[in-house]
Amino acid sequence: MADEPMYHDGMRQLQDVRETRDLADRLAQVTLRHEFTDEDRSFIEHCSMVFVATADANGHPDCSYKGGLPGFVRVLDDRTLAIPDYDGNGMYRTWGNVLVNSHVGLLFIDFEESRRIRVNGNAQIHENDPLCKEFPGAVFIVRVTATNIFPNCPRYIHKMKIVEYSVYAPRSNYTPPVPEWKTFDSFRDALPPRDRGGTDQGK
């Protein structure tokens, strides 16, 4: 798979307006890589969240937050990482886009240590991926082949602390609670059969 160019004509146009073309080229020269380093792996697998940017076949964008316990995103080899799909709202805006446009942009941020790394690449959905057995709560696995990997300046990252991890985050030997919205009358009759039993409790 050919690596994606770092900059296109639109980026170059603004770089020229702001006289940052040389700086942009130097940043690409110094920071851009196409394979994960050991430090990248450690950082990504330390993160408990990732922001995922996708677009549909017509280029209409979507951005979503994916969260889990640290290590829920796993670096599999020099160029591949795995993201589990967990039970959500069923709209599949993010992963549905992947089926018609495989390009994705991932942003990993550590708000406590003020660090971030971006990963651009191509994603594939694997329903029967053998890794599903290693990710409690995974519906399927999304494998992303990285094309561009690069850190960003952290100066605008706000300092925040994680108070607690979500009780809904899947983990071994644990059954997450039913999200409250699945008990609302406005959604109950539209839930898939697998979700209706849990919402009848106490009703």
Protein backbone atom coordinates (compact mmCIF):
# COMPACT_ATOMS: atom_id res chain seq x y z
CA MET A 1 0.00 0.00 0.00
CA ALA A 2 1.43 3.37 -1.04
CA ASP A 3 1.94 5.92 1.70
CA GLU A 4 -0.35 8.94 1.52
CA PRO A 5 1.28 12.31 0.75
CA MET A 6 1.54 14.51 3.83
CA TYR A 7 0.19 17.66 2.14
CA HIS A 8 -2.25 18.36 -0.69
CA ASP A 9 -2.73 21.56 -2.72
CA GLY A 10 -5.16 23.12 -0.22
CA MET A 11 -2.69 22.65 2.63
CA ARG A 12 0.12 24.04 0.48
CA GLN A 13 -1.99 27.09 -0.40
CA LEU A 14 -2.43 28.05 3.26
CA GLN A 15 1.17 27.24 4.07
CA ASP A 16 2.23 29.68 1.36
CA VAL A 17 -0.14 32.36 2.62
CA ARG A 18 1.31 32.04 6.13
CA GLU A 19 4.89 31.38 4.94
CA THR A 20 5.02 28.03 6.73
CA ARG A 21 5.83 25.71 3.81
CA ASP A 22 9.44 25.25 4.93
CA LEU A 23 8.34 24.61 8.50
CA ALA A 24 5.68 22.13 7.38
CA ASP A 25 8.27 20.27 5.29
CA ARG A 26 10.69 20.19 8.21
CA LEU A 27 8.01 18.85 10.56
CA ALA A 28 7.22 16.11 8.06
CA GLN A 29 10.92 15.34 7.72
CA VAL A 30 11.49 15.15 11.48
CA THR A 31 8.25 13.75 12.91
CA LEU A 32 6.43 11.82 10.17
CA ARG A 33 6.79 8.06 10.17
CA HIS A 34 5.03 5.15 8.52
CA GLU A 35 5.65 2.49 11.15
CA PHE A 36 4.83 2.44 14.84
CA THR A 37 7.75 2.79 17.21
CA ASP A 38 7.87 1.11 20.61
CA GLU A 39 7.07 4.51 22.12
CA ASP A 40 4.03 4.86 19.84
CA ARG A 41 2.81 1.43 20.89
CA SER A 42 3.22 2.23 24.57
CA PHE A 43 1.42 5.56 24.23
CA ILE A 44 -1.51 4.22 22.18
CA GLU A 45 -2.04 1.26 24.48
CA HIS A 46 -1.97 3.62 27.47
CA CYS A 47 -4.83 5.70 26.07
CA SER A 48 -8.42 5.14 27.19
CA MET A 49 -9.93 7.06 24.27
CA VAL A 50 -9.47 7.80 20.60
CA PHE A 51 -11.22 10.28 18.31
CA VAL A 52 -12.05 8.76 14.91
CA ALA A 53 -12.62 10.84 11.77
CA THR A 54 -14.25 9.22 8.74
CA ALA A 55 -16.10 10.32 5.61
CA ASP A 56 -18.76 8.74 3.44
CA ALA A 57 -18.42 7.98 -0.27
CA ASN A 58 -19.23 11.61 -1.10
CA GLY A 59 -16.68 13.04 1.31
CA HIS A 60 -19.17 14.10 3.99
CA PRO A 61 -17.25 13.90 7.29
CA ASP A 62 -18.08 12.43 10.65
CA CYS A 63 -16.08 12.38 13.87
CA SER A 64 -16.69 10.19 16.89
CA TYR A 65 -15.24 9.40 20.28
CA LYS A 66 -14.38 5.80 21.12
CA GLY A 67 -13.58 4.93 24.71
CA GLY A 68 -12.57 1.90 26.75
CA LEU A 69 -10.09 0.86 29.37
CA PRO A 70 -6.40 1.53 28.65
CA GLY A 71 -5.21 -1.02 26.11
CA PHE A 72 -8.57 -1.30 24.34
CA VAL A 73 -6.77 -0.15 21.17
CA ARG A 74 -3.93 -2.51 20.42
CA VAL A 75 -0.93 -2.11 18.11
CA LEU A 76 -0.60 -5.45 16.34
CA ASP A 77 2.54 -4.88 14.28
CA ASP A 78 4.64 -2.11 12.74
CA ARG A 79 1.74 -0.71 10.72
CA THR A 80 -1.48 -2.20 12.07
CA LEU A 81 -3.66 -1.46 15.06
CA ALA A 82 -6.96 -2.98 16.19
CA ILE A 83 -9.99 -1.16 17.57
CA PRO A 84 -12.91 -3.15 19.04
CA ASP A 85 -16.44 -2.11 18.18
CA TYR A 86 -18.52 -2.04 21.35
CA ASP A 87 -22.29 -1.91 21.72
CA GLY A 88 -23.45 1.62 20.93
CA ASN A 89 -26.45 3.49 19.58
CA GLY A 90 -26.70 1.35 16.45
CA MET A 91 -26.35 4.22 13.94
CA TYR A 92 -22.93 2.99 12.75
CA ARG A 93 -22.03 6.37 11.31
CA THR A 94 -18.30 5.83 11.86
CA TRP A 95 -17.79 2.21 10.89
CA GLY A 96 -20.52 2.42 8.25
CA ASN A 97 -18.44 5.08 6.54
CA VAL A 98 -15.49 2.69 6.53
CA LEU A 99 -17.47 0.26 4.38
CA VAL A 100 -17.73 2.87 1.62
CA ASN A 101 -14.54 4.87 2.27
CA SER A 102 -11.71 3.16 4.10
CA HIS A 103 -9.73 6.31 4.91
CA VAL A 104 -9.65 7.16 8.62
CA GLY A 105 -7.94 9.68 10.86
CA LEU A 106 -7.26 8.76 14.50
CA LEU A 107 -6.34 11.16 17.27
CA PHE A 108 -5.01 9.78 20.56
CA ILE A 109 -4.73 12.27 23.43
CA ASP A 110 -3.40 11.99 26.97
CA PHE A 111 -4.89 14.97 28.81
CA GLU A 112 -2.92 14.28 31.97
CA GLU A 113 0.50 14.20 30.32
CA SER A 114 -0.38 16.65 27.50
CA ARG A 115 0.59 14.36 24.64
CA ARG A 116 -1.10 13.46 21.40
CA ILE A 117 -0.41 11.44 18.28
CA ARG A 118 -2.24 11.25 14.98
CA VAL A 119 -2.60 8.15 12.83
CA ASN A 120 -3.97 8.30 9.30
CA GLY A 121 -4.65 5.11 7.45
CA ASN A 122 -7.09 2.66 5.95
CA ALA A 123 -9.55 0.61 7.96
CA GLN A 124 -11.19 -2.75 7.41
CA ILE A 125 -13.98 -4.34 9.42
CA HIS A 126 -13.58 -7.97 10.43
CA GLU A 127 -16.76 -9.52 11.84
CA ASN A 128 -15.22 -12.91 12.53
CA ASP A 129 -11.80 -11.65 13.52
CA PRO A 130 -10.09 -14.11 15.89
CA LEU A 131 -9.12 -11.12 18.02
CA CYS A 132 -12.76 -10.78 19.12
CA LYS A 133 -12.07 -13.47 21.70
CA GLU A 134 -9.32 -11.29 23.19
CA PHE A 135 -11.47 -8.15 23.47
CA PRO A 136 -14.32 -8.58 25.99
CA GLY A 137 -17.48 -6.92 24.70
CA ALA A 138 -16.28 -6.59 21.09
CA VAL A 139 -18.96 -6.89 18.41
CA PHE A 140 -16.33 -6.88 15.69
CA ILE A 141 -12.78 -5.66 15.17
CA VAL A 142 -11.63 -2.77 13.03
CA ARG A 143 -8.06 -3.12 11.78
CA VAL A 144 -6.34 0.08 10.68
CA THR A 145 -3.27 -0.02 8.46
CA ALA A 146 -1.32 3.15 9.16
CA THR A 147 0.00 5.29 6.33
CA ASN A 148 1.06 8.39 8.28
CA ILE A 149 1.93 8.54 11.98
CA PHE A 150 2.97 11.78 13.62
CA PRO A 151 2.85 13.58 16.96
CA ASN A 152 1.47 17.11 17.35
CA CYS A 153 2.51 20.07 19.47
CA PRO A 154 0.67 19.71 22.81
CA ARG A 155 0.52 23.38 23.79
CA TYR A 156 -3.28 23.73 23.43
CA ILE A 157 -4.13 20.48 25.21
CA HIS A 158 -5.99 21.36 28.40
CA LYS A 159 -4.74 19.64 31.53
CA MET A 160 -7.41 17.24 32.78
CA LYS A 161 -7.47 14.20 35.04
CA ILE A 162 -9.48 11.03 34.65
CA VAL A 163 -11.67 10.77 37.73
CA GLU A 164 -12.97 7.30 36.93
CA TYR A 165 -13.38 5.02 33.95
CA SER A 166 -16.86 4.51 32.54
CA VAL A 167 -18.84 1.73 34.19
CA TYR A 168 -19.94 0.78 30.67
CA ALA A 169 -16.39 0.07 29.45
CA PRO A 170 -16.16 -3.66 28.66
CA ARG A 171 -13.67 -5.76 30.59
CA SER A 172 -13.11 -9.39 31.52
CA ASN A 173 -15.61 -11.11 33.82
CA TYR A 174 -17.88 -8.07 33.93
CA THR A 175 -21.37 -7.29 32.69
CA PRO A 176 -21.88 -3.56 32.08
CA PRO A 177 -25.20 -2.05 33.20
CA VAL A 178 -27.92 -1.34 30.64
CA PRO A 179 -27.62 2.28 29.46
CA GLU A 180 -30.53 4.36 30.67
CA TRP A 181 -31.60 5.51 27.22
CA LYS A 182 -32.39 1.92 26.25
CA THR A 183 -35.14 1.94 28.88
CA PHE A 184 -36.89 5.00 27.43
CA ASP A 185 -40.32 4.33 25.95
CA SER A 186 -39.38 6.25 22.82
CA PHE A 187 -36.74 3.63 21.96
CA ARG A 188 -37.91 0.38 23.55
CA ASP A 189 -39.92 -0.97 20.62
CA ALA A 190 -37.07 -0.18 18.18
CA LEU A 191 -34.39 -2.06 20.13
CA PRO A 192 -33.06 -5.28 18.57
CA PRO A 193 -34.43 -8.41 20.27
CA ARG A 194 -31.13 -9.02 22.09
CA ASP A 195 -31.60 -5.76 24.01
CA ARG A 196 -35.24 -6.03 24.96
CA GLY A 197 -34.92 -8.51 27.81
CA GLY A 198 -32.67 -6.30 29.93
CA THR A 199 -34.90 -3.26 29.52
CA ASP A 200 -37.98 -5.08 30.79
CA GLN A 201 -36.52 -5.53 34.24
CA GLY A 202 -38.48 -3.55 36.79
CA LYS A 203 -41.10 -2.54 34.25
